[in-house]
């Protein structure tokens, strides 16, 4: 089979494999008893995928010189296991170029000591999933974090650090904050952090921002 349909099928299969590998990588993260070692495995795994996987958001022009993502050293002070707290109902809808309007509803919030409050969102379209983005005081600054904010939890795409339905808690480890695909290629459309996910303190851990030719 050749032509546009075959090309779309190829791309879809590549994205499926990317997500499968992401789920596997976060499975390792959750199983490791030492978060620092888990973080190192996460960093190296993402570097390999970004450099070599056909579904990588890195442009071909950026892959040849790619030497790894700018991820800060692990700091346990930025890891939290916190209760899911009640939040007033709210929604936001993100218009994407490929998936139509992507709807979210606020289902809870978390309080991170020394950081602030973050809203916890649920994707209300097919697939569901919990989504916690973060935009901190370093966003858009030289040597800081991506201007549109980063993702900490996005379970529909595999980014899941662990939770307890029985205890009503969730792990929010900001060392695992990562940039959305639009940070590497402006052709991507990514939900950015809404007002309830913006904090006034700098969060110097996780993936920082380095400009690529497509960003």
Protein backbone atom coordinates (compact mmCIF):
# COMPACT_ATOMS: atom_id res chain seq x y z
CA UNK A 1 0.00 0.00 0.00
CA UNK A 2 1.32 3.41 -0.96
CA UNK A 3 0.09 6.99 -1.03
CA UNK A 4 -1.39 9.32 1.63
CA UNK A 5 -3.31 6.57 3.43
CA UNK A 6 -0.17 4.48 3.82
CA UNK A 7 1.72 7.52 5.10
CA UNK A 8 -0.93 8.21 7.74
CA UNK A 9 -0.86 4.56 8.79
CA UNK A 10 2.92 4.68 9.16
CA UNK A 11 2.79 7.83 11.27
CA UNK A 12 0.02 6.39 13.45
CA UNK A 13 2.06 3.24 14.08
CA UNK A 14 5.11 5.31 15.01
CA UNK A 15 3.08 7.36 17.51
CA UNK A 16 1.67 4.17 19.03
CA UNK A 17 5.20 2.85 19.51
CA UNK A 18 6.34 6.16 21.04
CA UNK A 19 3.52 6.02 23.57
CA UNK A 20 4.13 2.35 24.31
CA UNK A 21 7.76 3.09 25.08
CA UNK A 22 6.74 6.08 27.21
CA UNK A 23 4.37 3.91 29.24
CA UNK A 24 7.16 1.37 29.71
CA UNK A 25 9.60 4.07 30.80
CA UNK A 26 7.24 5.46 33.43
CA UNK A 27 6.55 1.91 34.58
CA UNK A 28 10.24 1.64 35.44
CA UNK A 29 10.06 5.01 37.22
CA UNK A 30 7.20 3.84 39.45
CA UNK A 31 8.88 0.53 40.26
CA UNK A 32 12.25 1.99 41.31
CA UNK A 33 12.51 2.47 45.07
CA UNK A 34 15.14 5.18 44.67
CA UNK A 35 13.63 8.23 42.91
CA UNK A 36 17.09 9.51 42.00
CA UNK A 37 17.91 6.34 40.05
CA UNK A 38 14.44 6.37 38.52
CA UNK A 39 15.02 9.94 37.39
CA UNK A 40 18.33 9.03 35.74
CA UNK A 41 16.66 6.17 33.87
CA UNK A 42 13.87 8.53 32.78
CA UNK A 43 16.36 11.12 31.56
CA UNK A 44 18.46 8.65 29.58
CA UNK A 45 15.39 6.94 28.15
CA UNK A 46 13.91 10.20 26.94
CA UNK A 47 17.23 11.27 25.44
CA UNK A 48 17.38 8.04 23.45
CA UNK A 49 13.81 8.38 22.22
CA UNK A 50 14.23 12.03 21.30
CA UNK A 51 17.40 11.29 19.33
CA UNK A 52 16.37 8.13 17.52
CA UNK A 53 12.63 7.50 17.48
CA UNK A 54 10.77 8.33 14.24
CA UNK A 55 7.97 9.98 16.23
CA UNK A 56 10.36 12.31 18.08
CA UNK A 57 9.25 15.96 18.00
CA UNK A 58 12.84 16.96 17.29
CA UNK A 59 13.32 18.03 13.70
CA UNK A 60 15.76 16.06 11.60
CA UNK A 61 17.99 19.14 11.46
CA UNK A 62 18.27 19.13 15.27
CA UNK A 63 18.93 15.42 15.76
CA UNK A 64 22.47 15.32 14.34
CA UNK A 65 23.82 17.71 16.99
CA UNK A 66 21.51 16.53 19.80
CA UNK A 67 23.51 15.75 22.95
CA UNK A 68 20.69 15.31 25.43
CA UNK A 69 17.89 17.34 26.97
CA UNK A 70 18.83 20.01 29.54
CA UNK A 71 17.52 18.23 32.66
CA UNK A 72 18.53 19.52 36.10
CA UNK A 73 20.05 17.11 38.65
CA UNK A 74 17.54 15.32 40.86
CA UNK A 75 16.55 17.17 44.04
CA UNK A 76 14.32 15.21 46.46
CA UNK A 77 12.96 18.43 47.96
CA UNK A 78 10.76 18.81 44.86
CA UNK A 79 9.04 15.43 45.20
CA UNK A 80 5.60 15.40 46.82
CA UNK A 81 2.96 12.78 47.55
CA UNK A 82 -0.09 14.83 48.35
CA UNK A 83 -3.86 14.42 48.75
CA UNK A 84 -6.27 15.32 45.99
CA UNK A 85 -8.23 18.24 47.42
CA UNK A 86 -11.70 19.43 46.40
CA UNK A 87 -11.91 22.11 43.72
CA UNK A 88 -14.78 24.06 42.22
CA UNK A 89 -15.94 22.72 38.85
CA UNK A 90 -14.28 24.40 35.89
CA UNK A 91 -13.50 23.51 32.30
CA UNK A 92 -11.16 24.59 29.57
CA UNK A 93 -11.08 23.59 25.94
CA UNK A 94 -7.97 23.52 23.82
CA UNK A 95 -8.40 23.90 20.05
CA UNK A 96 -5.81 21.74 18.28
CA UNK A 97 -5.00 21.56 14.61
CA UNK A 98 -5.21 17.76 14.47
CA UNK A 99 -7.61 16.57 17.16
CA UNK A 100 -10.27 19.27 17.10
CA UNK A 101 -11.20 20.85 20.44
CA UNK A 102 -9.68 18.93 23.38
CA UNK A 103 -11.85 19.39 26.51
CA UNK A 104 -10.68 19.25 30.13
CA UNK A 105 -12.52 19.50 33.44
CA UNK A 106 -11.02 20.37 36.81
CA UNK A 107 -11.50 17.46 39.19
CA UNK A 108 -9.24 18.43 42.10
CA UNK A 109 -6.26 20.48 43.18
CA UNK A 110 -3.01 19.73 44.99
CA UNK A 111 -1.08 21.89 47.41
CA UNK A 112 2.69 21.60 47.09
CA UNK A 113 4.55 23.02 50.11
CA UNK A 114 6.76 25.92 49.10
CA UNK A 115 5.39 25.87 45.55
CA UNK A 116 1.67 26.57 45.63
CA UNK A 117 -1.57 25.14 44.35
CA UNK A 118 -1.97 23.27 41.06
CA UNK A 119 -5.24 22.32 39.44
CA UNK A 120 -5.76 18.68 38.49
CA UNK A 121 -7.55 18.21 35.17
CA UNK A 122 -9.32 15.29 33.53
CA UNK A 123 -9.42 14.86 29.79
CA UNK A 124 -13.13 14.42 29.11
CA UNK A 125 -12.87 13.06 25.57
CA UNK A 126 -12.20 9.44 24.63
CA UNK A 127 -9.31 7.93 26.58
CA UNK A 128 -9.69 10.09 29.69
CA UNK A 129 -6.62 10.70 31.77
CA UNK A 130 -5.27 13.07 34.42
CA UNK A 131 -3.34 16.15 33.35
CA UNK A 132 -1.22 18.44 35.57
CA UNK A 133 0.76 21.13 33.74
CA UNK A 134 3.01 23.69 35.45
CA UNK A 135 4.23 27.16 34.56
CA UNK A 136 6.70 28.58 37.06
CA UNK A 137 8.53 31.88 37.57
CA UNK A 138 11.44 30.78 35.32
CA UNK A 139 9.17 30.37 32.29
CA UNK A 140 10.44 32.27 29.28
CA UNK A 141 13.62 33.46 30.98
CA UNK A 142 17.09 32.78 29.54
CA UNK A 143 18.33 29.50 30.95
CA UNK A 144 14.91 28.94 32.52
CA UNK A 145 11.91 26.84 31.60
CA UNK A 146 9.71 26.72 28.53
CA UNK A 147 7.56 29.82 28.24
CA UNK A 148 4.32 27.94 27.78
CA UNK A 149 4.91 25.75 30.80
CA UNK A 150 5.77 22.09 31.28
CA UNK A 151 3.88 18.87 31.93
CA UNK A 152 4.28 16.89 35.15
CA UNK A 153 1.42 14.40 34.77
CA UNK A 154 -0.28 13.39 31.52
CA UNK A 155 -1.54 9.87 32.08
CA UNK A 156 -3.24 9.43 28.70
CA UNK A 157 0.24 9.66 27.16
CA UNK A 158 1.95 7.56 29.82
CA UNK A 159 3.39 10.27 32.09
CA UNK A 160 2.18 8.81 35.39
CA UNK A 161 4.30 8.96 38.55
CA UNK A 162 1.87 7.02 40.73
CA UNK A 163 -1.27 7.53 42.80
CA UNK A 164 -3.41 5.77 45.39
CA UNK A 165 -7.13 5.59 44.75
CA UNK A 166 -7.66 4.20 48.27
CA UNK A 167 -5.79 7.02 50.00
CA UNK A 168 -6.76 9.71 47.49
CA UNK A 169 -3.16 10.80 46.94
CA UNK A 170 -0.97 11.42 43.91
CA UNK A 171 2.78 11.69 43.38
CA UNK A 172 3.80 15.06 41.94
CA UNK A 173 7.56 15.02 41.43
CA UNK A 174 8.63 18.24 39.73
CA UNK A 175 11.99 16.70 38.83
CA UNK A 176 10.04 14.91 36.09
CA UNK A 177 8.52 18.08 34.60
CA UNK A 178 9.09 17.97 30.84
CA UNK A 179 8.50 20.19 27.85
CA UNK A 180 5.55 19.63 25.52
CA UNK A 181 6.27 18.76 21.89
CA UNK A 182 5.62 22.35 20.74
CA UNK A 183 8.82 23.38 22.60
CA UNK A 184 10.77 21.57 19.86
CA UNK A 185 8.60 22.08 16.79
CA UNK A 186 6.05 24.88 16.39
CA UNK A 187 4.03 22.63 14.08
CA UNK A 188 2.76 20.87 17.20
CA UNK A 189 -0.22 22.29 19.10
CA UNK A 190 -0.04 21.62 22.85
CA UNK A 191 -2.35 22.51 25.75
CA UNK A 192 -0.54 25.07 27.87
CA UNK A 193 -0.83 25.72 31.60
CA UNK A 194 -4.05 27.58 32.50
CA UNK A 195 -4.18 30.13 35.32
CA UNK A 196 -4.66 27.51 38.05
CA UNK A 197 -1.39 25.85 37.08
CA UNK A 198 0.80 28.94 37.19
CA UNK A 199 2.95 29.46 40.29
CA UNK A 200 4.94 32.51 41.35
CA UNK A 201 8.06 30.63 42.51
CA UNK A 202 10.94 29.38 40.36
CA UNK A 203 11.04 25.61 39.87
CA UNK A 204 14.63 24.93 38.78
CA UNK A 205 14.29 21.15 38.45
CA UNK A 206 13.06 18.95 35.63
CA UNK A 207 13.65 19.71 31.99
CA UNK A 208 14.84 23.25 31.32
CA UNK A 209 14.55 25.03 27.99
CA UNK A 210 17.03 25.10 25.14
CA UNK A 211 15.91 26.51 21.81
CA UNK A 212 15.98 24.24 18.78
CA UNK A 213 15.64 25.27 15.16
CA UNK A 214 11.98 24.25 15.05
CA UNK A 215 10.96 26.10 18.21
